[in-house]
Amino acid sequence: MEGLYDTIHRDLGPEAVVVRRDEGGGGLGRLLGRRRYELIAVVDDASADSHVLANAATSSEMRRLSTLFSEKCRKMEEHLSSLNRRMEKTHIAAGPLAGQQQLPGFAASWDRRFIEAATALAPGLFRDGGQTAARTTIGDLLNIEESFVPGGAGQRPCVMVLAGPTGSGKTTTLAKLAAGWHLDRGMKVGLITTDTYRIAAVDQTREYATLLGLDLHIVFSAAQAAKAIASMSDRDVILVDTPGRSHRDDIGMSSLKGILAAMGDVTVFLLVPATMDPANANEMLRNFGVLKPDYVILTKIDEVHTAPVMTSISSEMTAPLAYVTDGQRVPQDIRQARRDEMVEILLGGAFAGAEEGAVPVTECEC
C-alpha cells in the first residue's frame, strides 16, 4: 500500500489527495494471501502543472533541447562579437570622423573621401570648428581651374558642349557664355542645339541667338551635328546645347555620346547644380563620366548657403571646376571659379568676396 502512495506522490506531486480506495475482489490472489488495491487520487491543476513541468524539465529530451538551445545562443553571441569587432576596425580605419555627429555643421554633408583626405593632410582640421585652419587644406583639395582658356591658343573653332542633368541650367548658361564672348570680346560665336525634345528649349535658344545676332543650327542626329560644325568653321567658338538627361537613362546617354563623337574634337562642360543632394551626386557624376567631361560648371549657387556637392566633384572627377553661375541674368550671372570663394562657400560663408576680384567670363581668351 505504501508503494502506491509513493507512486502517486512521485507522479502527481506531494499535493495529491487520495479520494477513493478499493480493495480488489477474490480469486487466486486472495487464496494465496495477496490483496489488490485500486486508488483514485486528485490534485489541484496548478500544482499538477508545476509538478509535470518540473518532471519534464529533468527529462533527457528536454536536457537535450536545452543543450542545443544553449549552443545556438553561444554561437550567436560569438557571431555578434565578431561583427562588433569588424565594425570597430572599420571605424578605426575610417578615422575619427566616421560618425557625422563628430563633424562640425558645415562639413556634415561633405563627401566621405574628401573628409578623409582633408583629415589626412591636417589631423586637427575639425577641432573647435577649425574653419580658419581649414581654408588652406580645403583649398588644396578643391580642383579649381581659375583661368580657363577655351580650346587653347590657335585652335579654331573651339567647340564647347554643355551637358548635364535635367534642370542644371544648360540653355541659360550657353546664352551667358555666348553673350560674354561675343559682345564684350568681339568673338565670332556660333550656336548649336541638340535639345529638340523640348520645344520651349529650342525657342529659348532661338530667342537668345536672335538677340545676339548669332547663327543657330538645330540638329536631330549625329550626321547633322557634324555638318553644322563644318558649316561654321570660321567661328572662334561654337557652343552646343544638349538635352537634359537623367544619369540613369542609358539609351539617352548613349545617344548623346554618339552625337558628341560625330562633332570631333570638343570640350565638354558638365553642369552640376549646387542644389543637388550630395547623396545622389556621386552616381550622377559617375554616369556622366562616359562623356569624359573636361570641365565642370557649378550652377545655381545663389540658391544655396553652402555647396557640399563640390566635395563630391573633387572626389569623383578629375575635371576641374571652371565656372560658377548665380542667377538668371544674361550675361552677368556667370564668372570664373575662384579658389578662395569656393572655400568660403563650402565653409558656409556663401559668396564672400564674390564681388571683389571676380574675373568676368568675358576676359577669357580664345
Protein backbone atom coordinates (compact mmCIF):
# COMPACT_ATOMS: atom_id res chain seq x y z
CA MET A 1 0.00 0.00 0.00
CA GLU A 2 2.81 2.42 0.85
CA GLY A 3 4.32 1.80 -2.59
CA LEU A 4 1.08 3.00 -4.19
CA TYR A 5 1.19 6.26 -2.22
CA ASP A 6 4.82 6.77 -3.20
CA THR A 7 3.90 6.30 -6.85
CA ILE A 8 1.05 8.86 -6.61
CA HIS A 9 3.27 11.47 -4.94
CA ARG A 10 6.03 10.87 -7.45
CA ASP A 11 3.74 11.24 -10.46
CA LEU A 12 1.29 13.88 -9.22
CA GLY A 13 3.28 15.64 -6.55
CA PRO A 14 3.03 15.96 -2.79
CA GLU A 15 -0.26 17.89 -3.04
CA ALA A 16 -2.16 14.86 -4.42
CA VAL A 17 -5.05 13.58 -2.32
CA VAL A 18 -6.46 10.03 -2.40
CA VAL A 19 -10.23 10.28 -2.68
CA ARG A 20 -11.13 6.64 -3.10
CA ARG A 21 -9.58 3.33 -2.25
CA ASP A 22 -10.98 -0.02 -3.47
CA GLU A 23 -9.83 -3.42 -2.46
CA GLY A 24 -9.86 -5.96 -5.18
CA GLY A 25 -12.19 -8.96 -5.18
CA GLY A 26 -11.47 -12.70 -4.64
CA GLY A 27 -9.69 -15.08 -6.88
CA LEU A 28 -6.41 -16.84 -6.75
CA GLY A 29 -4.69 -13.80 -5.30
CA ARG A 30 -6.94 -13.80 -2.20
CA LEU A 31 -6.43 -17.55 -1.72
CA LEU A 32 -2.67 -17.01 -1.81
CA GLY A 33 -2.90 -14.20 0.71
CA ARG A 34 -2.36 -11.43 -1.82
CA ARG A 35 -4.54 -8.33 -1.86
CA ARG A 36 -5.17 -5.95 -4.74
CA TYR A 37 -5.90 -2.30 -4.18
CA GLU A 38 -7.07 0.48 -6.57
CA LEU A 39 -6.52 4.08 -5.51
CA ILE A 40 -8.06 7.18 -7.10
CA ALA A 41 -6.19 10.42 -6.39
CA VAL A 42 -6.72 14.04 -7.44
CA VAL A 43 -4.58 17.13 -7.34
CA ASP A 44 -5.09 20.87 -7.91
CA ASP A 45 -4.46 21.80 -11.60
CA ALA A 46 -1.81 24.41 -10.84
CA SER A 47 0.08 22.03 -8.61
CA ALA A 48 -0.14 19.30 -11.22
CA ASP A 49 1.09 21.56 -13.98
CA SER A 50 4.01 22.69 -11.89
CA HIS A 51 4.95 19.17 -10.99
CA VAL A 52 4.63 17.88 -14.54
CA LEU A 53 6.76 20.73 -15.89
CA ALA A 54 9.33 20.12 -13.19
CA ASN A 55 9.50 16.48 -14.17
CA ALA A 56 9.62 17.35 -17.88
CA ALA A 57 12.49 19.78 -17.31
CA THR A 58 14.56 16.99 -15.93
CA SER A 59 13.80 14.58 -18.72
CA SER A 60 16.52 13.52 -21.10
CA GLU A 61 14.72 15.05 -24.12
CA MET A 62 14.39 18.45 -22.51
CA ARG A 63 18.01 18.32 -21.42
CA ARG A 64 19.00 17.63 -25.00
CA LEU A 65 16.89 20.52 -26.33
CA SER A 66 18.23 22.81 -23.65
CA THR A 67 21.79 21.91 -24.64
CA LEU A 68 21.07 22.63 -28.30
CA PHE A 69 19.47 25.97 -27.45
CA SER A 70 22.44 26.97 -25.29
CA GLU A 71 24.82 26.06 -28.11
CA LYS A 72 22.89 28.18 -30.60
CA CYS A 73 22.89 31.13 -28.19
CA ARG A 74 26.65 30.75 -27.72
CA LYS A 75 27.26 30.74 -31.49
CA MET A 76 25.01 33.78 -31.94
CA GLU A 77 26.92 35.68 -29.27
CA GLU A 78 30.21 34.79 -30.95
CA HIS A 79 28.85 35.98 -34.31
CA LEU A 80 27.67 39.29 -32.82
CA SER A 81 31.02 39.77 -31.13
CA SER A 82 32.76 39.16 -34.44
CA LEU A 83 30.54 41.75 -36.17
CA ASN A 84 31.27 44.27 -33.43
CA ARG A 85 34.99 43.73 -33.84
CA ARG A 86 34.72 44.26 -37.61
CA MET A 87 32.72 47.46 -37.10
CA GLU A 88 35.30 48.74 -34.65
CA LYS A 89 38.10 48.03 -37.13
CA THR A 90 36.15 49.79 -39.89
CA HIS A 91 35.57 52.74 -37.61
CA ILE A 92 39.27 52.96 -36.81
CA ALA A 93 40.24 52.63 -40.49
CA ALA A 94 37.83 55.39 -41.47
CA GLY A 95 39.40 57.72 -38.97
CA PRO A 96 37.96 59.67 -36.05
CA LEU A 97 35.32 61.33 -38.21
CA ALA A 98 33.44 58.16 -39.15
CA GLY A 99 30.27 59.42 -37.46
CA GLN A 100 28.64 62.56 -38.79
CA GLN A 101 27.83 63.65 -35.27
CA GLN A 102 31.57 64.24 -34.79
CA LEU A 103 31.73 66.70 -37.67
CA PRO A 104 31.07 70.42 -37.46
CA GLY A 105 27.85 71.52 -39.10
CA PHE A 106 29.45 72.95 -42.22
CA ALA A 107 31.04 69.55 -43.06
CA ALA A 108 28.14 67.24 -42.19
CA SER A 109 27.18 66.63 -45.84
CA TRP A 110 30.66 66.52 -47.35
CA ASP A 111 31.80 63.52 -49.36
CA ARG A 112 33.43 60.99 -47.04
CA ARG A 113 36.50 60.68 -49.28
CA PHE A 114 37.01 64.42 -49.16
CA ILE A 115 36.81 64.40 -45.36
CA GLU A 116 39.32 61.56 -45.10
CA ALA A 117 41.73 63.31 -47.46
CA ALA A 118 41.38 66.56 -45.52
CA THR A 119 41.98 64.97 -42.13
CA ALA A 120 44.93 63.02 -43.52
CA LEU A 121 46.55 66.32 -44.52
CA ALA A 122 45.55 68.10 -41.30
CA PRO A 123 44.56 65.70 -38.47
CA GLY A 124 43.29 68.55 -36.27
CA LEU A 125 41.28 70.12 -39.05
CA PHE A 126 37.85 70.00 -37.43
CA ARG A 127 38.77 70.61 -33.83
CA ASP A 128 36.99 73.56 -32.26
CA GLY A 129 35.29 74.37 -35.57
CA GLY A 130 38.67 74.74 -37.27
CA GLN A 131 37.41 76.99 -40.06
CA THR A 132 40.50 79.19 -40.09
CA ALA A 133 42.90 76.24 -40.31
CA ALA A 134 40.61 74.50 -42.79
CA ARG A 135 40.85 77.10 -45.55
CA THR A 136 44.30 76.19 -46.81
CA THR A 137 43.73 72.44 -46.66
CA ILE A 138 40.32 72.61 -48.30
CA GLY A 139 41.63 74.95 -50.99
CA ASP A 140 44.37 72.45 -51.82
CA LEU A 141 41.83 69.64 -52.21
CA LEU A 142 39.31 71.52 -54.35
CA ASN A 143 40.07 71.04 -58.04
CA ILE A 144 39.68 74.57 -59.42
CA GLU A 145 40.68 75.99 -62.83
CA GLU A 146 40.90 79.75 -62.31
CA SER A 147 41.99 80.74 -65.81
CA PHE A 148 40.15 78.67 -68.37
CA VAL A 149 41.07 79.41 -71.98
CA PRO A 150 38.64 77.76 -74.42
CA GLY A 151 40.33 75.48 -76.92
CA GLY A 152 43.87 76.68 -76.37
CA ALA A 153 45.83 79.14 -78.43
CA GLY A 154 45.39 78.97 -82.19
CA GLN A 155 42.69 76.27 -82.26
CA ARG A 156 39.63 77.33 -84.31
CA PRO A 157 36.83 76.82 -83.88
CA CYS A 158 36.64 75.95 -80.19
CA VAL A 159 33.66 73.57 -79.94
CA MET A 160 32.29 73.56 -76.41
CA VAL A 161 29.47 71.23 -75.42
CA LEU A 162 27.26 71.83 -72.38
CA ALA A 163 25.89 68.63 -70.83
CA GLY A 164 24.25 67.79 -67.54
CA PRO A 165 21.17 66.53 -65.75
CA THR A 166 17.72 67.97 -66.33
CA GLY A 167 17.31 71.38 -64.75
CA SER A 168 21.00 72.15 -64.41
CA GLY A 169 20.72 75.38 -66.42
CA LYS A 170 22.43 74.48 -69.70
CA THR A 171 20.47 76.77 -72.04
CA THR A 172 20.81 79.85 -69.84
CA THR A 173 24.50 79.15 -69.28
CA LEU A 174 25.03 78.80 -73.02
CA ALA A 175 23.46 82.25 -73.52
CA LYS A 176 25.68 83.77 -70.83
CA LEU A 177 28.85 82.39 -72.37
CA ALA A 178 27.78 83.39 -75.89
CA ALA A 179 26.85 86.94 -74.87
CA GLY A 180 30.03 87.48 -72.88
CA TRP A 181 32.40 86.29 -75.55
CA HIS A 182 30.54 87.85 -78.48
CA LEU A 183 29.52 91.24 -77.12
CA ASP A 184 32.42 92.03 -74.82
CA ARG A 185 35.28 90.28 -76.60
CA GLY A 186 34.09 90.51 -80.18
CA MET A 187 34.45 86.81 -80.82
CA LYS A 188 32.66 85.05 -83.66
CA VAL A 189 30.28 82.69 -81.90
CA GLY A 190 28.06 80.00 -83.39
CA LEU A 191 25.27 78.14 -81.62
CA ILE A 192 24.03 74.57 -82.00
CA THR A 193 21.22 72.95 -80.08
CA THR A 194 20.54 69.23 -79.95
CA ASP A 195 17.80 69.74 -77.35
CA THR A 196 14.94 69.03 -79.74
CA TYR A 197 12.95 67.16 -77.11
CA ARG A 198 11.63 70.37 -75.58
CA ILE A 199 10.08 72.94 -77.91
CA ALA A 200 10.47 75.58 -75.23
CA ALA A 201 14.21 74.96 -75.11
CA VAL A 202 14.58 75.42 -78.87
CA ASP A 203 12.51 78.60 -78.76
CA GLN A 204 14.57 79.96 -75.87
CA THR A 205 17.86 79.27 -77.66
CA ARG A 206 16.50 80.79 -80.89
CA GLU A 207 15.47 83.93 -78.99
CA TYR A 208 18.94 84.31 -77.50
CA ALA A 209 20.52 83.78 -80.92
CA THR A 210 18.26 86.45 -82.46
CA LEU A 211 19.00 88.99 -79.71
CA LEU A 212 22.75 88.42 -80.05
CA GLY A 213 22.73 88.24 -83.85
CA LEU A 214 24.23 84.75 -83.88
CA ASP A 215 23.64 81.80 -86.21
CA LEU A 216 21.77 78.88 -84.68
CA HIS A 217 21.70 75.34 -86.03
CA ILE A 218 19.09 72.89 -84.77
CA VAL A 219 20.27 69.31 -85.22
CA PHE A 220 18.47 66.00 -84.78
CA SER A 221 21.24 63.49 -85.47
CA ALA A 222 24.97 62.91 -85.30
CA ALA A 223 25.30 63.48 -89.04
CA GLN A 224 23.55 66.85 -88.80
CA ALA A 225 25.77 67.83 -85.87
CA ALA A 226 28.91 67.13 -87.88
CA LYS A 227 27.51 69.10 -90.82
CA ALA A 228 26.66 72.07 -88.58
CA ILE A 229 30.19 72.14 -87.18
CA ALA A 230 31.65 72.14 -90.68
CA SER A 231 29.39 75.00 -91.79
CA MET A 232 30.69 77.24 -89.00
CA SER A 233 34.39 76.59 -89.44
CA ASP A 234 35.09 80.32 -89.50
CA ARG A 235 33.83 80.83 -85.92
CA ASP A 236 36.07 81.36 -82.93
CA VAL A 237 33.74 79.50 -80.62
CA ILE A 238 30.84 77.10 -81.21
CA LEU A 239 28.62 76.48 -78.22
CA VAL A 240 26.48 73.32 -78.24
CA ASP A 241 23.39 72.89 -76.07
CA THR A 242 22.27 69.34 -75.26
CA PRO A 243 19.07 67.93 -73.78
CA GLY A 244 18.93 67.30 -70.06
CA ARG A 245 19.37 63.64 -69.32
CA SER A 246 18.73 61.51 -66.29
CA HIS A 247 22.02 59.82 -65.45
CA ARG A 248 20.06 56.56 -65.29
CA ASP A 249 18.80 56.93 -68.88
CA ASP A 250 21.26 54.57 -70.57
CA ILE A 251 19.70 54.95 -74.03
CA GLY A 252 19.66 58.73 -73.82
CA MET A 253 23.25 58.84 -72.60
CA SER A 254 24.39 56.59 -75.46
CA SER A 255 22.61 58.81 -78.00
CA LEU A 256 24.25 61.91 -76.57
CA LYS A 257 27.64 60.22 -76.61
CA GLY A 258 27.17 59.38 -80.28
CA ILE A 259 26.34 62.99 -81.21
CA LEU A 260 29.41 64.27 -79.37
CA ALA A 261 31.62 61.73 -81.14
CA ALA A 262 30.38 63.00 -84.52
CA MET A 263 31.46 66.54 -83.64
CA GLY A 264 35.12 65.59 -83.46
CA ASP A 265 37.42 67.38 -81.02
CA VAL A 266 35.19 69.04 -78.45
CA THR A 267 35.49 70.43 -74.93
CA VAL A 268 32.77 69.06 -72.68
CA PHE A 269 31.42 71.07 -69.78
CA LEU A 270 29.41 69.14 -67.21
CA LEU A 271 26.90 71.38 -65.47
CA VAL A 272 26.18 70.42 -61.85
CA PRO A 273 23.57 72.32 -59.83
CA ALA A 274 24.75 73.41 -56.39
CA THR A 275 21.32 72.40 -55.11
CA MET A 276 21.94 68.73 -55.89
CA ASP A 277 21.71 66.29 -53.00
CA PRO A 278 25.25 65.02 -52.29
CA ALA A 279 23.76 61.58 -51.65
CA ASN A 280 22.84 61.35 -55.36
CA ALA A 281 25.75 63.32 -56.76
CA ASN A 282 28.32 60.53 -56.99
CA GLU A 283 26.09 58.28 -59.08
CA MET A 284 25.28 61.16 -61.44
CA LEU A 285 28.94 62.14 -61.79
CA ARG A 286 30.00 58.56 -62.50
CA ASN A 287 27.32 58.01 -65.15
CA PHE A 288 28.00 61.32 -66.91
CA GLY A 289 31.65 60.31 -66.88
CA VAL A 290 31.02 58.37 -70.12
CA LEU A 291 31.05 61.78 -71.85
CA LYS A 292 34.56 62.39 -70.49
CA PRO A 293 33.93 65.93 -69.20
CA ASP A 294 36.84 68.32 -69.42
CA TYR A 295 35.47 70.94 -67.03
CA VAL A 296 32.66 71.46 -64.55
CA ILE A 297 30.32 74.44 -64.23
CA LEU A 298 28.63 74.76 -60.85
CA THR A 299 25.23 76.37 -61.34
CA LYS A 300 22.61 77.91 -59.06
CA ILE A 301 24.94 78.80 -56.21
CA ASP A 302 22.63 81.70 -55.45
CA GLU A 303 20.04 79.17 -54.28
CA VAL A 304 22.16 77.61 -51.52
CA HIS A 305 24.07 78.72 -48.44
CA THR A 306 26.72 76.07 -48.96
CA ALA A 307 27.51 73.60 -51.75
CA PRO A 308 28.75 70.26 -50.38
CA VAL A 309 28.37 68.80 -53.87
CA MET A 310 31.76 70.41 -54.58
CA THR A 311 33.39 67.78 -52.38
CA SER A 312 31.81 65.06 -54.50
CA ILE A 313 33.03 66.73 -57.69
CA SER A 314 36.60 66.91 -56.40
CA SER A 315 36.50 63.33 -55.08
CA GLU A 316 34.77 61.66 -58.04
CA MET A 317 36.15 63.53 -61.05
CA THR A 318 39.44 64.71 -62.49
CA ALA A 319 37.71 67.53 -64.37
CA PRO A 320 38.28 70.86 -62.59
CA LEU A 321 35.63 73.41 -61.71
CA ALA A 322 35.93 76.29 -64.19
CA TYR A 323 32.79 78.46 -63.82
CA VAL A 324 30.01 79.21 -61.38
CA THR A 325 26.63 80.77 -62.09
CA ASP A 326 24.48 82.61 -59.59
CA GLY A 327 21.30 83.87 -61.26
CA GLN A 328 19.28 84.17 -64.46
CA ARG A 329 20.69 87.43 -65.82
CA VAL A 330 22.46 87.19 -69.18
CA PRO A 331 25.39 87.60 -69.32
CA GLN A 332 26.09 88.97 -65.83
CA ASP A 333 25.46 85.98 -63.61
CA ILE A 334 28.45 83.85 -64.51
CA ARG A 335 32.10 84.06 -63.53
CA GLN A 336 35.22 82.00 -63.42
CA ALA A 337 35.67 79.92 -60.31
CA ARG A 338 37.99 81.32 -57.67
CA ARG A 339 39.55 79.04 -55.08
CA ASP A 340 39.11 81.41 -52.14
CA GLU A 341 35.45 81.98 -52.96
CA MET A 342 34.75 78.27 -53.36
CA VAL A 343 36.33 77.57 -49.97
CA GLU A 344 34.13 80.20 -48.34
CA ILE A 345 31.02 78.75 -49.97
CA LEU A 346 31.96 75.26 -48.83
CA LEU A 347 32.51 76.50 -45.29
CA GLY A 348 29.11 78.19 -45.28
CA GLY A 349 30.24 81.77 -45.89
CA ALA A 350 28.39 81.92 -49.20
CA PHE A 351 29.54 84.48 -51.76
CA ALA A 352 32.20 86.00 -49.53
CA GLY A 353 34.40 88.08 -51.78
CA ALA A 354 32.27 87.35 -54.80
CA GLU A 355 32.15 90.96 -55.92
CA GLU A 356 35.80 91.75 -55.32
CA GLY A 357 38.34 90.17 -57.60
CA ALA A 358 35.83 88.17 -59.61
CA VAL A 359 37.02 87.80 -63.19
CA PRO A 360 34.12 88.02 -65.66
CA VAL A 361 33.76 85.37 -68.31
CA THR A 362 34.49 87.98 -70.98
CA GLU A 363 38.16 88.07 -70.01
CA CYS A 364 38.74 84.56 -71.38
CA GLU A 365 40.93 84.48 -74.44
CA CYS A 366 40.42 82.14 -77.34
